Amino acid sequence: MSPVWPSKSRRACIFPIFQAYQKLFVGVFDDDGATAHDDFAGRVVVDIARLRPNSVYDVFLPLRMYQNTFVRNSRGVIHLRLRVEWDNERKALLSYLKLPTKTKELGNAVTLNCADYKAFRNSVLTVRGKDVPGRFKALVQKGLQREMKLYKVSIEAS
């Protein structure tokens, strides 16, 4: 699988940023048509707070499958060109002081309108990776076992 942008497609996107501490989630999928599940190639999370305003970043970032589990197998890279522009830098800095408002119905939950199940599935994989809460994965268990062994070794050594 080696996904590329179609030659006549739009490649530039503008995203509104309301808080300076937001993150940009980028997911890479292989489109298998309208009825089939898309193959998840990987995801990247860009921390907007680490980017300087009015600077252009041209970066190659490694794709990851999971949010909290490191996997040695390479998933490839994605080439991104990023630029952050603030309409008002003072408001961007002050956004760190203002906490997001809670609603009575949802708390701090984020809602995302999706056209169909496929769009919803792709959005969840992009934001959460394969670490969807409530799902058991053997890979996560192996990672936890390795972590516990390291704790045991470090405790015995001290």
C-alpha atoms as a PDB file:
ATOM      1  CA  MET A   1       0.000   0.000   0.000  1.00  0.00           C
ATOM      2  CA  SER A   2       1.498   3.324  -1.047  1.00  0.00           C
ATOM      3  CA  PRO A   3      -1.208   6.005  -0.927  1.00  0.00           C
ATOM      4  CA  VAL A   4      -0.792   9.214  -2.919  1.00  0.00           C
ATOM      5  CA  TRP A   5      -3.015  12.208  -3.517  1.00  0.00           C
ATOM      6  CA  PRO A   6      -4.916  12.018  -6.806  1.00  0.00           C
ATOM      7  CA  SER A   7      -3.314  14.413  -9.270  1.00  0.00           C
ATOM      8  CA  LYS A   8      -6.342  16.721  -9.633  1.00  0.00           C
ATOM      9  CA  SER A   9      -7.365  16.796  -5.953  1.00  0.00           C
ATOM     10  CA  ARG A  10      -7.099  19.731  -3.570  1.00  0.00           C
ATOM     11  CA  ARG A  11      -4.098  19.330  -1.312  1.00  0.00           C
ATOM     12  CA  ALA A  12      -4.264  22.459   0.811  1.00  0.00           C
ATOM     13  CA  CYS A  13      -6.606  22.793   3.780  1.00  0.00           C
ATOM     14  CA  ILE A  14      -7.375  25.652   6.121  1.00  0.00           C
ATOM     15  CA  PHE A  15      -8.454  24.733   9.648  1.00  0.00           C
ATOM     16  CA  PRO A  16      -9.770  27.274  12.146  1.00  0.00           C
ATOM     17  CA  ILE A  17      -7.943  27.119  15.473  1.00  0.00           C
ATOM     18  CA  PHE A  18      -9.786  28.417  18.518  1.00  0.00           C
ATOM     19  CA  GLN A  19      -7.272  27.565  21.257  1.00  0.00           C
ATOM     20  CA  ALA A  20      -3.502  27.642  20.978  1.00  0.00           C
ATOM     21  CA  TYR A  21      -3.208  24.251  22.717  1.00  0.00           C
ATOM     22  CA  GLN A  22      -5.235  22.344  20.108  1.00  0.00           C
ATOM     23  CA  LYS A  23      -3.892  19.343  18.209  1.00  0.00           C
ATOM     24  CA  LEU A  24      -4.200  18.471  14.540  1.00  0.00           C
ATOM     25  CA  PHE A  25      -4.981  14.813  13.833  1.00  0.00           C
ATOM     26  CA  VAL A  26      -4.044  13.478  10.383  1.00  0.00           C
ATOM     27  CA  GLY A  27      -5.135  10.000   9.316  1.00  0.00           C
ATOM     28  CA  VAL A  28      -4.009   8.123   6.217  1.00  0.00           C
ATOM     29  CA  PHE A  29      -6.409   5.621   4.640  1.00  0.00           C
ATOM     30  CA  ASP A  30      -6.526   3.562   1.462  1.00  0.00           C
ATOM     31  CA  ASP A  31      -9.942   4.212  -0.083  1.00  0.00           C
ATOM     32  CA  ASP A  32     -11.623   0.918  -0.979  1.00  0.00           C
ATOM     33  CA  GLY A  33     -14.837   2.379  -2.360  1.00  0.00           C
ATOM     34  CA  ALA A  34     -18.091   3.536  -0.828  1.00  0.00           C
ATOM     35  CA  THR A  35     -19.229   0.180   0.576  1.00  0.00           C
ATOM     36  CA  ALA A  36     -15.966  -1.338   1.901  1.00  0.00           C
ATOM     37  CA  HIS A  37     -13.960  -0.405   5.013  1.00  0.00           C
ATOM     38  CA  ASP A  38     -10.927   1.733   4.204  1.00  0.00           C
ATOM     39  CA  ASP A  39      -7.524   0.299   5.133  1.00  0.00           C
ATOM     40  CA  PHE A  40      -5.998   2.309   7.981  1.00  0.00           C
ATOM     41  CA  ALA A  41      -2.365   3.113   7.115  1.00  0.00           C
ATOM     42  CA  GLY A  42      -1.607   5.203  10.211  1.00  0.00           C
ATOM     43  CA  ARG A  43      -2.003   8.517  11.963  1.00  0.00           C
ATOM     44  CA  VAL A  44      -0.020  11.549  13.051  1.00  0.00           C
ATOM     45  CA  VAL A  45      -0.781  14.065  15.794  1.00  0.00           C
ATOM     46  CA  VAL A  46       0.642  17.573  15.438  1.00  0.00           C
ATOM     47  CA  ASP A  47       0.763  19.695  18.593  1.00  0.00           C
ATOM     48  CA  ILE A  48      -0.132  23.213  17.435  1.00  0.00           C
ATOM     49  CA  ALA A  49       1.413  24.774  20.560  1.00  0.00           C
ATOM     50  CA  ARG A  50       4.884  23.663  19.416  1.00  0.00           C
ATOM     51  CA  LEU A  51       4.619  25.548  16.118  1.00  0.00           C
ATOM     52  CA  ARG A  52       5.769  29.150  15.800  1.00  0.00           C
ATOM     53  CA  PRO A  53       3.329  31.545  14.156  1.00  0.00           C
ATOM     54  CA  ASN A  54       4.052  32.597  10.556  1.00  0.00           C
ATOM     55  CA  SER A  55       6.733  29.920  10.116  1.00  0.00           C
ATOM     56  CA  VAL A  56       6.530  27.239   7.446  1.00  0.00           C
ATOM     57  CA  TYR A  57       7.252  23.655   8.514  1.00  0.00           C
ATOM     58  CA  ASP A  58       8.047  21.088   5.842  1.00  0.00           C
ATOM     59  CA  VAL A  59       8.259  17.782   7.733  1.00  0.00           C
ATOM     60  CA  PHE A  60       8.159  14.036   7.211  1.00  0.00           C
ATOM     61  CA  LEU A  61       6.415  12.377  10.162  1.00  0.00           C
ATOM     62  CA  PRO A  62       6.231   8.628  10.867  1.00  0.00           C
ATOM     63  CA  LEU A  63       2.768   7.095  10.788  1.00  0.00           C
ATOM     64  CA  ARG A  64       1.622   5.352  13.963  1.00  0.00           C
ATOM     65  CA  MET A  65      -1.152   2.817  14.433  1.00  0.00           C
ATOM     66  CA  TYR A  66      -1.655   3.221  18.163  1.00  0.00           C
ATOM     67  CA  GLN A  67      -1.902   6.121  20.547  1.00  0.00           C
ATOM     68  CA  ASN A  68      -0.052   4.674  23.533  1.00  0.00           C
ATOM     69  CA  THR A  69       1.710   1.557  22.252  1.00  0.00           C
ATOM     70  CA  PHE A  70       4.992   1.654  20.354  1.00  0.00           C
ATOM     71  CA  VAL A  71       5.252  -0.811  17.474  1.00  0.00           C
ATOM     72  CA  ARG A  72       8.608  -1.421  15.816  1.00  0.00           C
ATOM     73  CA  ASN A  73       7.126  -2.121  12.389  1.00  0.00           C
ATOM     74  CA  SER A  74       7.372   0.933  10.175  1.00  0.00           C
ATOM     75  CA  ARG A  75       4.051   2.172   8.781  1.00  0.00           C
ATOM     76  CA  GLY A  76       5.635   4.690   6.436  1.00  0.00           C
ATOM     77  CA  VAL A  77       5.761   8.468   6.616  1.00  0.00           C
ATOM     78  CA  ILE A  78       3.573  11.380   5.651  1.00  0.00           C
ATOM     79  CA  HIS A  79       4.927  14.612   4.196  1.00  0.00           C
ATOM     80  CA  LEU A  80       3.224  17.691   5.637  1.00  0.00           C
ATOM     81  CA  ARG A  81       3.771  21.383   5.023  1.00  0.00           C
ATOM     82  CA  LEU A  82       2.282  23.400   7.883  1.00  0.00           C
ATOM     83  CA  ARG A  83       1.910  27.067   8.721  1.00  0.00           C
ATOM     84  CA  VAL A  84       0.083  28.586  11.678  1.00  0.00           C
ATOM     85  CA  GLU A  85      -1.328  32.074  11.315  1.00  0.00           C
ATOM     86  CA  TRP A  86      -3.037  33.840  14.198  1.00  0.00           C
ATOM     87  CA  ASP A  87      -5.483  36.663  13.513  1.00  0.00           C
ATOM     88  CA  ASN A  88      -4.712  37.941  16.985  1.00  0.00           C
ATOM     89  CA  GLU A  89      -1.661  36.551  18.826  1.00  0.00           C
ATOM     90  CA  ARG A  90      -2.827  38.071  22.109  1.00  0.00           C
ATOM     91  CA  LYS A  91      -6.091  36.089  21.954  1.00  0.00           C
ATOM     92  CA  ALA A  92      -4.124  32.951  21.131  1.00  0.00           C
ATOM     93  CA  LEU A  93      -1.996  33.374  24.268  1.00  0.00           C
ATOM     94  CA  LEU A  94      -5.021  34.178  26.415  1.00  0.00           C
ATOM     95  CA  SER A  95      -6.756  31.008  25.183  1.00  0.00           C
ATOM     96  CA  TYR A  96      -4.474  29.067  27.555  1.00  0.00           C
ATOM     97  CA  LEU A  97      -6.146  30.787  30.503  1.00  0.00           C
ATOM     98  CA  LYS A  98      -9.732  30.144  29.435  1.00  0.00           C
ATOM     99  CA  LEU A  99     -10.945  26.588  30.015  1.00  0.00           C
ATOM    100  CA  PRO A 100     -13.379  25.048  27.521  1.00  0.00           C
ATOM    101  CA  THR A 101     -16.979  25.480  28.617  1.00  0.00           C
ATOM    102  CA  LYS A 102     -18.912  22.414  29.728  1.00  0.00           C
ATOM    103  CA  THR A 103     -22.422  21.697  28.565  1.00  0.00           C
ATOM    104  CA  LYS A 104     -24.942  19.993  30.834  1.00  0.00           C
ATOM    105  CA  GLU A 105     -25.730  17.256  28.321  1.00  0.00           C
ATOM    106  CA  LEU A 106     -22.254  16.356  27.075  1.00  0.00           C
ATOM    107  CA  GLY A 107     -19.742  17.593  29.636  1.00  0.00           C
ATOM    108  CA  ASN A 108     -16.472  18.197  27.769  1.00  0.00           C
ATOM    109  CA  ALA A 109     -17.328  15.699  25.030  1.00  0.00           C
ATOM    110  CA  VAL A 110     -16.643  16.691  21.452  1.00  0.00           C
ATOM    111  CA  THR A 111     -19.284  16.071  18.837  1.00  0.00           C
ATOM    112  CA  LEU A 112     -18.531  15.403  15.199  1.00  0.00           C
ATOM    113  CA  ASN A 113     -21.181  15.122  12.531  1.00  0.00           C
ATOM    114  CA  CYS A 114     -20.412  12.296  10.110  1.00  0.00           C
ATOM    115  CA  ALA A 115     -22.239  11.534   6.889  1.00  0.00           C
ATOM    116  CA  ASP A 116     -22.147   7.759   7.374  1.00  0.00           C
ATOM    117  CA  TYR A 117     -20.624   4.939   9.413  1.00  0.00           C
ATOM    118  CA  LYS A 118     -17.499   4.831   7.228  1.00  0.00           C
ATOM    119  CA  ALA A 119     -16.717   8.511   7.919  1.00  0.00           C
ATOM    120  CA  PHE A 120     -17.329   7.945  11.636  1.00  0.00           C
ATOM    121  CA  ARG A 121     -15.015   4.898  11.702  1.00  0.00           C
ATOM    122  CA  ASN A 122     -12.258   6.795   9.889  1.00  0.00           C
ATOM    123  CA  SER A 123     -12.608   9.746  12.288  1.00  0.00           C
ATOM    124  CA  VAL A 124     -12.355   7.496  15.349  1.00  0.00           C
ATOM    125  CA  LEU A 125      -9.254   5.746  13.963  1.00  0.00           C
ATOM    126  CA  THR A 126      -7.645   9.099  13.157  1.00  0.00           C
ATOM    127  CA  VAL A 127      -8.186  10.523  16.641  1.00  0.00           C
ATOM    128  CA  ARG A 128      -7.749   7.404  18.791  1.00  0.00           C
ATOM    129  CA  GLY A 129      -5.633   5.144  16.591  1.00  0.00           C
ATOM    130  CA  LYS A 130      -6.298   1.455  17.083  1.00  0.00           C
ATOM    131  CA  ASP A 131      -6.547   2.123  20.865  1.00  0.00           C
ATOM    132  CA  VAL A 132     -10.315   2.538  20.872  1.00  0.00           C
ATOM    133  CA  PRO A 133     -11.486   2.571  24.517  1.00  0.00           C
ATOM    134  CA  GLY A 134     -13.305  -0.542  25.630  1.00  0.00           C
ATOM    135  CA  ARG A 135     -11.632  -2.838  23.109  1.00  0.00           C
ATOM    136  CA  PHE A 136      -9.155  -5.480  24.234  1.00  0.00           C
ATOM    137  CA  LYS A 137      -5.990  -5.824  22.172  1.00  0.00           C
ATOM    138  CA  ALA A 138      -3.286  -8.429  22.719  1.00  0.00           C
ATOM    139  CA  LEU A 139      -0.630  -5.930  21.581  1.00  0.00           C
ATOM    140  CA  VAL A 140      -1.596  -3.525  24.364  1.00  0.00           C
ATOM    141  CA  GLN A 141      -1.401  -6.366  26.885  1.00  0.00           C
ATOM    142  CA  LYS A 142       2.098  -7.284  25.651  1.00  0.00           C
ATOM    143  CA  GLY A 143       3.181  -3.666  25.996  1.00  0.00           C
ATOM    144  CA  LEU A 144       1.867  -3.545  29.558  1.00  0.00           C
ATOM    145  CA  GLN A 145       3.673  -6.793  30.391  1.00  0.00           C
ATOM    146  CA  ARG A 146       6.962  -5.364  29.071  1.00  0.00           C
ATOM    147  CA  GLU A 147       6.422  -2.208  31.113  1.00  0.00           C
ATOM    148  CA  MET A 148       5.750  -4.224  34.281  1.00  0.00           C
ATOM    149  CA  LYS A 149       8.924  -6.285  33.715  1.00  0.00           C
ATOM    150  CA  LEU A 150      10.936  -3.066  33.423  1.00  0.00           C
ATOM    151  CA  TYR A 151       9.444  -1.804  36.692  1.00  0.00           C
ATOM    152  CA  LYS A 152      10.297  -5.102  38.374  1.00  0.00           C
ATOM    153  CA  VAL A 153      13.913  -4.966  37.131  1.00  0.00           C
ATOM    154  CA  SER A 154      14.333  -1.342  38.227  1.00  0.00           C
ATOM    155  CA  ILE A 155      12.860  -2.071  41.681  1.00  0.00           C
ATOM    156  CA  GLU A 156      15.120  -5.091  42.162  1.00  0.00           C
ATOM    157  CA  ALA A 157      18.162  -3.080  41.068  1.00  0.00           C
ATOM    158  CA  SER A 158      17.560  -0.317  43.619  1.00  0.00           C
END
